[in-house]
Amino acid sequence: MDSERAREIMMTPEPIKVLYNGSPVWLDNILDGSSVEIMNLKDQSRQIVPVNDLKEEK
């Protein structure tokens, strides 16, 4: 995923499934052009990851 798409997902009112390492995540904040803060929906852990490691499930 790129940062432009991550911004679009954060702004849309409908839920869009995003995965990080196969786990569903919530996008909290885009920190710069290459990093995003996420929350893992399984255990509510938070971390900063490269935005290009995120996958949109369609």
PDB file of N, CA and C in Angstrom:
ATOM      1  N   MET A   1       0.853  -1.163   0.000  1.00  0.00           N
ATOM      2  CA  MET A   1       0.000   0.000   0.000  1.00  0.00           C
ATOM      3  C   MET A   1       0.902   1.229   0.000  1.00  0.00           C
ATOM      4  N   ASP A   2       0.402   2.316  -0.543  1.00  0.00           N
ATOM      5  CA  ASP A   2       1.167   3.560  -0.470  1.00  0.00           C
ATOM      6  C   ASP A   2       0.474   4.538   0.477  1.00  0.00           C
ATOM      7  N   SER A   3       1.160   5.622   0.828  1.00  0.00           N
ATOM      8  CA  SER A   3       0.625   6.561   1.817  1.00  0.00           C
ATOM      9  C   SER A   3      -0.642   7.260   1.327  1.00  0.00           C
ATOM     10  N   GLU A   4      -0.761   7.470   0.031  1.00  0.00           N
ATOM     11  CA  GLU A   4      -1.973   8.094  -0.530  1.00  0.00           C
ATOM     12  C   GLU A   4      -3.195   7.213  -0.262  1.00  0.00           C
ATOM     13  N   ARG A   5      -3.059   5.910  -0.519  1.00  0.00           N
ATOM     14  CA  ARG A   5      -4.175   4.992  -0.282  1.00  0.00           C
ATOM     15  C   ARG A   5      -4.475   4.873   1.209  1.00  0.00           C
ATOM     16  N   ALA A   6      -3.445   4.869   2.039  1.00  0.00           N
ATOM     17  CA  ALA A   6      -3.659   4.825   3.490  1.00  0.00           C
ATOM     18  C   ALA A   6      -4.473   6.033   3.941  1.00  0.00           C
ATOM     19  N   ARG A   7      -4.167   7.214   3.418  1.00  0.00           N
ATOM     20  CA  ARG A   7      -4.944   8.423   3.748  1.00  0.00           C
ATOM     21  C   ARG A   7      -6.402   8.274   3.316  1.00  0.00           C
ATOM     22  N   GLU A   8      -6.611   7.755   2.107  1.00  0.00           N
ATOM     23  CA  GLU A   8      -7.975   7.551   1.609  1.00  0.00           C
ATOM     24  C   GLU A   8      -8.749   6.610   2.532  1.00  0.00           C
ATOM     25  N   ILE A   9      -8.115   5.533   2.948  1.00  0.00           N
ATOM     26  CA  ILE A   9      -8.776   4.562   3.827  1.00  0.00           C
ATOM     27  C   ILE A   9      -9.129   5.209   5.161  1.00  0.00           C
ATOM     28  N   MET A  10      -8.233   6.018   5.706  1.00  0.00           N
ATOM     29  CA  MET A  10      -8.505   6.669   6.984  1.00  0.00           C
ATOM     30  C   MET A  10      -9.659   7.660   6.881  1.00  0.00           C
ATOM     31  N   MET A  11      -9.875   8.244   5.718  1.00  0.00           N
ATOM     32  CA  MET A  11     -10.909   9.265   5.543  1.00  0.00           C
ATOM     33  C   MET A  11     -12.277   8.699   5.149  1.00  0.00           C
ATOM     34  N   THR A  12     -12.322   7.472   4.679  1.00  0.00           N
ATOM     35  CA  THR A  12     -13.585   6.914   4.201  1.00  0.00           C
ATOM     36  C   THR A  12     -14.473   6.478   5.371  1.00  0.00           C
ATOM     37  N   PRO A  13     -15.780   6.690   5.261  1.00  0.00           N
ATOM     38  CA  PRO A  13     -16.679   6.302   6.353  1.00  0.00           C
ATOM     39  C   PRO A  13     -16.946   4.797   6.416  1.00  0.00           C
ATOM     40  N   GLU A  14     -16.808   4.097   5.293  1.00  0.00           N
ATOM     41  CA  GLU A  14     -17.077   2.662   5.322  1.00  0.00           C
ATOM     42  C   GLU A  14     -15.812   1.889   5.700  1.00  0.00           C
ATOM     43  N   PRO A  15     -15.994   0.752   6.375  1.00  0.00           N
ATOM     44  CA  PRO A  15     -14.829  -0.030   6.797  1.00  0.00           C
ATOM     45  C   PRO A  15     -14.122  -0.681   5.611  1.00  0.00           C
ATOM     46  N   ILE A  16     -12.817  -0.606   5.616  1.00  0.00           N
ATOM     47  CA  ILE A  16     -11.983  -1.253   4.609  1.00  0.00           C
ATOM     48  C   ILE A  16     -10.985  -2.120   5.354  1.00  0.00           C
ATOM     49  N   LYS A  17     -10.934  -3.392   5.008  1.00  0.00           N
ATOM     50  CA  LYS A  17     -10.074  -4.329   5.726  1.00  0.00           C
ATOM     51  C   LYS A  17      -8.620  -4.142   5.287  1.00  0.00           C
ATOM     52  N   VAL A  18      -7.766  -3.867   6.275  1.00  0.00           N
ATOM     53  CA  VAL A  18      -6.336  -3.698   6.043  1.00  0.00           C
ATOM     54  C   VAL A  18      -5.605  -4.724   6.898  1.00  0.00           C
ATOM     55  N   LEU A  19      -4.604  -5.359   6.303  1.00  0.00           N
ATOM     56  CA  LEU A  19      -3.838  -6.394   6.992  1.00  0.00           C
ATOM     57  C   LEU A  19      -2.371  -5.988   7.117  1.00  0.00           C
ATOM     58  N   TYR A  20      -1.783  -6.372   8.241  1.00  0.00           N
ATOM     59  CA  TYR A  20      -0.339  -6.260   8.441  1.00  0.00           C
ATOM     60  C   TYR A  20       0.148  -7.630   8.895  1.00  0.00           C
ATOM     61  N   ASN A  21       1.024  -8.224   8.124  1.00  0.00           N
ATOM     62  CA  ASN A  21       1.494  -9.592   8.404  1.00  0.00           C
ATOM     63  C   ASN A  21       0.333 -10.567   8.587  1.00  0.00           C
ATOM     64  N   GLY A  22      -0.717 -10.388   7.793  1.00  0.00           N
ATOM     65  CA  GLY A  22      -1.859 -11.287   7.828  1.00  0.00           C
ATOM     66  C   GLY A  22      -2.883 -11.008   8.908  1.00  0.00           C
ATOM     67  N   SER A  23      -2.627 -10.037   9.781  1.00  0.00           N
ATOM     68  CA  SER A  23      -3.562  -9.694  10.864  1.00  0.00           C
ATOM     69  C   SER A  23      -4.303  -8.402  10.536  1.00  0.00           C
ATOM     70  N   PRO A  24      -5.605  -8.346  10.864  1.00  0.00           N
ATOM     71  CA  PRO A  24      -6.359  -7.119  10.609  1.00  0.00           C
ATOM     72  C   PRO A  24      -5.885  -5.991  11.532  1.00  0.00           C
ATOM     73  N   VAL A  25      -5.775  -4.795  10.955  1.00  0.00           N
ATOM     74  CA  VAL A  25      -5.301  -3.634  11.714  1.00  0.00           C
ATOM     75  C   VAL A  25      -6.172  -2.421  11.432  1.00  0.00           C
ATOM     76  N   TRP A  26      -6.106  -1.476  12.366  1.00  0.00           N
ATOM     77  CA  TRP A  26      -6.752  -0.175  12.241  1.00  0.00           C
ATOM     78  C   TRP A  26      -5.646   0.848  12.014  1.00  0.00           C
ATOM     79  N   LEU A  27      -5.825   1.725  11.030  1.00  0.00           N
ATOM     80  CA  LEU A  27      -4.839   2.776  10.772  1.00  0.00           C
ATOM     81  C   LEU A  27      -5.114   3.951  11.701  1.00  0.00           C
ATOM     82  N   ASP A  28      -4.164   4.273  12.551  1.00  0.00           N
ATOM     83  CA  ASP A  28      -4.327   5.365  13.503  1.00  0.00           C
ATOM     84  C   ASP A  28      -3.806   6.691  12.979  1.00  0.00           C
ATOM     85  N   ASN A  29      -2.602   6.670  12.407  1.00  0.00           N
ATOM     86  CA  ASN A  29      -1.962   7.928  12.061  1.00  0.00           C
ATOM     87  C   ASN A  29      -0.863   7.681  11.033  1.00  0.00           C
ATOM     88  N   ILE A  30      -0.812   8.537  10.016  1.00  0.00           N
ATOM     89  CA  ILE A  30       0.299   8.489   9.073  1.00  0.00           C
ATOM     90  C   ILE A  30       1.360   9.444   9.602  1.00  0.00           C
ATOM     91  N   LEU A  31       2.532   8.910   9.885  1.00  0.00           N
ATOM     92  CA  LEU A  31       3.568   9.696  10.552  1.00  0.00           C
ATOM     93  C   LEU A  31       4.426  10.476   9.575  1.00  0.00           C
ATOM     94  N   ASP A  32       4.691   9.927   8.431  1.00  0.00           N
ATOM     95  CA  ASP A  32       5.431  10.601   7.374  1.00  0.00           C
ATOM     96  C   ASP A  32       5.051   9.896   6.082  1.00  0.00           C
ATOM     97  N   GLY A  33       5.775  10.095   5.046  1.00  0.00           N
ATOM     98  CA  GLY A  33       5.411   9.465   3.782  1.00  0.00           C
ATOM     99  C   GLY A  33       5.615   7.972   3.733  1.00  0.00           C
ATOM    100  N   SER A  34       6.279   7.411   4.749  1.00  0.00           N
ATOM    101  CA  SER A  34       6.587   5.984   4.660  1.00  0.00           C
ATOM    102  C   SER A  34       6.208   5.170   5.893  1.00  0.00           C
ATOM    103  N   SER A  35       5.738   5.804   6.963  1.00  0.00           N
ATOM    104  CA  SER A  35       5.393   5.076   8.197  1.00  0.00           C
ATOM    105  C   SER A  35       3.972   5.398   8.640  1.00  0.00           C
ATOM    106  N   VAL A  36       3.355   4.400   9.259  1.00  0.00           N
ATOM    107  CA  VAL A  36       1.992   4.575   9.769  1.00  0.00           C
ATOM    108  C   VAL A  36       1.895   3.898  11.132  1.00  0.00           C
ATOM    109  N   GLU A  37       1.123   4.524  12.022  1.00  0.00           N
ATOM    110  CA  GLU A  37       0.854   3.914  13.325  1.00  0.00           C
ATOM    111  C   GLU A  37      -0.410   3.087  13.185  1.00  0.00           C
ATOM    112  N   ILE A  38      -0.338   1.826  13.621  1.00  0.00           N
ATOM    113  CA  ILE A  38      -1.476   0.915  13.492  1.00  0.00           C
ATOM    114  C   ILE A  38      -1.843   0.331  14.845  1.00  0.00           C
ATOM    115  N   MET A  39      -3.087  -0.166  14.921  1.00  0.00           N
ATOM    116  CA  MET A  39      -3.519  -0.936  16.074  1.00  0.00           C
ATOM    117  C   MET A  39      -3.967  -2.304  15.559  1.00  0.00           C
ATOM    118  N   ASN A  40      -3.402  -3.352  16.132  1.00  0.00           N
ATOM    119  CA  ASN A  40      -3.785  -4.709  15.793  1.00  0.00           C
ATOM    120  C   ASN A  40      -5.167  -4.970  16.380  1.00  0.00           C
ATOM    121  N   LEU A  41      -6.119  -5.385  15.545  1.00  0.00           N
ATOM    122  CA  LEU A  41      -7.496  -5.583  16.005  1.00  0.00           C
ATOM    123  C   LEU A  41      -7.672  -6.850  16.828  1.00  0.00           C
ATOM    124  N   LYS A  42      -6.708  -7.756  16.798  1.00  0.00           N
ATOM    125  CA  LYS A  42      -6.822  -8.988  17.590  1.00  0.00           C
ATOM    126  C   LYS A  42      -6.439  -8.756  19.048  1.00  0.00           C
ATOM    127  N   ASP A  43      -5.362  -8.013  19.282  1.00  0.00           N
ATOM    128  CA  ASP A  43      -4.883  -7.842  20.665  1.00  0.00           C
ATOM    129  C   ASP A  43      -4.740  -6.381  21.103  1.00  0.00           C
ATOM    130  N   GLN A  44      -5.158  -5.446  20.267  1.00  0.00           N
ATOM    131  CA  GLN A  44      -5.114  -4.004  20.524  1.00  0.00           C
ATOM    132  C   GLN A  44      -3.696  -3.460  20.739  1.00  0.00           C
ATOM    133  N   SER A  45      -2.673  -4.220  20.327  1.00  0.00           N
ATOM    134  CA  SER A  45      -1.308  -3.703  20.419  1.00  0.00           C
ATOM    135  C   SER A  45      -1.111  -2.646  19.329  1.00  0.00           C
ATOM    136  N   ARG A  46      -0.245  -1.683  19.621  1.00  0.00           N
ATOM    137  CA  ARG A  46       0.038  -0.602  18.679  1.00  0.00           C
ATOM    138  C   ARG A  46       1.497  -0.663  18.270  1.00  0.00           C
ATOM    139  N   GLN A  47       1.729  -0.295  17.016  1.00  0.00           N
ATOM    140  CA  GLN A  47       3.104  -0.228  16.542  1.00  0.00           C
ATOM    141  C   GLN A  47       3.195   0.684  15.324  1.00  0.00           C
ATOM    142  N   ILE A  48       4.409   1.058  15.002  1.00  0.00           N
ATOM    143  CA  ILE A  48       4.692   1.871  13.825  1.00  0.00           C
ATOM    144  C   ILE A  48       5.327   0.948  12.795  1.00  0.00           C
ATOM    145  N   VAL A  49       4.755   0.970  11.593  1.00  0.00           N
ATOM    146  CA  VAL A  49       5.220   0.061  10.543  1.00  0.00           C
ATOM    147  C   VAL A  49       5.365   0.827   9.230  1.00  0.00           C
ATOM    148  N   PRO A  50       6.153   0.284   8.298  1.00  0.00           N
ATOM    149  CA  PRO A  50       6.224   0.882   6.961  1.00  0.00           C
ATOM    150  C   PRO A  50       4.869   0.749   6.256  1.00  0.00           C
ATOM    151  N   VAL A  51       4.413   1.820   5.672  1.00  0.00           N
ATOM    152  CA  VAL A  51       3.102   1.803   5.016  1.00  0.00           C
ATOM    153  C   VAL A  51       3.071   0.793   3.872  1.00  0.00           C
ATOM    154  N   ASN A  52       4.200   0.559   3.215  1.00  0.00           N
ATOM    155  CA  ASN A  52       4.190  -0.387   2.092  1.00  0.00           C
ATOM    156  C   ASN A  52       4.113  -1.847   2.550  1.00  0.00           C
ATOM    157  N   ASP A  53       4.152  -2.109   3.868  1.00  0.00           N
ATOM    158  CA  ASP A  53       3.947  -3.464   4.396  1.00  0.00           C
ATOM    159  C   ASP A  53       2.475  -3.762   4.644  1.00  0.00           C
ATOM    160  N   LEU A  54       1.606  -2.768   4.487  1.00  0.00           N
ATOM    161  CA  LEU A  54       0.163  -2.968   4.687  1.00  0.00           C
ATOM    162  C   LEU A  54      -0.471  -3.476   3.399  1.00  0.00           C
ATOM    163  N   LYS A  55      -1.457  -4.331   3.556  1.00  0.00           N
ATOM    164  CA  LYS A  55      -2.188  -4.886   2.410  1.00  0.00           C
ATOM    165  C   LYS A  55      -3.674  -4.612   2.582  1.00  0.00           C
ATOM    166  N   GLU A  56      -4.296  -4.148   1.528  1.00  0.00           N
ATOM    167  CA  GLU A  56      -5.750  -3.954   1.522  1.00  0.00           C
ATOM    168  C   GLU A  56      -6.385  -5.239   1.025  1.00  0.00           C
ATOM    169  N   GLU A  57      -7.318  -5.780   1.815  1.00  0.00           N
ATOM    170  CA  GLU A  57      -8.015  -6.997   1.397  1.00  0.00           C
ATOM    171  C   GLU A  57      -9.237  -6.590   0.610  1.00  0.00           C
ATOM    172  N   LYS A  58      -9.365  -7.131  -0.577  1.00  0.00           N
ATOM    173  CA  LYS A  58     -10.489  -6.769  -1.454  1.00  0.00           C
ATOM    174  C   LYS A  58     -11.432  -7.917  -1.627  1.00  0.00           C
TER     175      LYS A  58
END
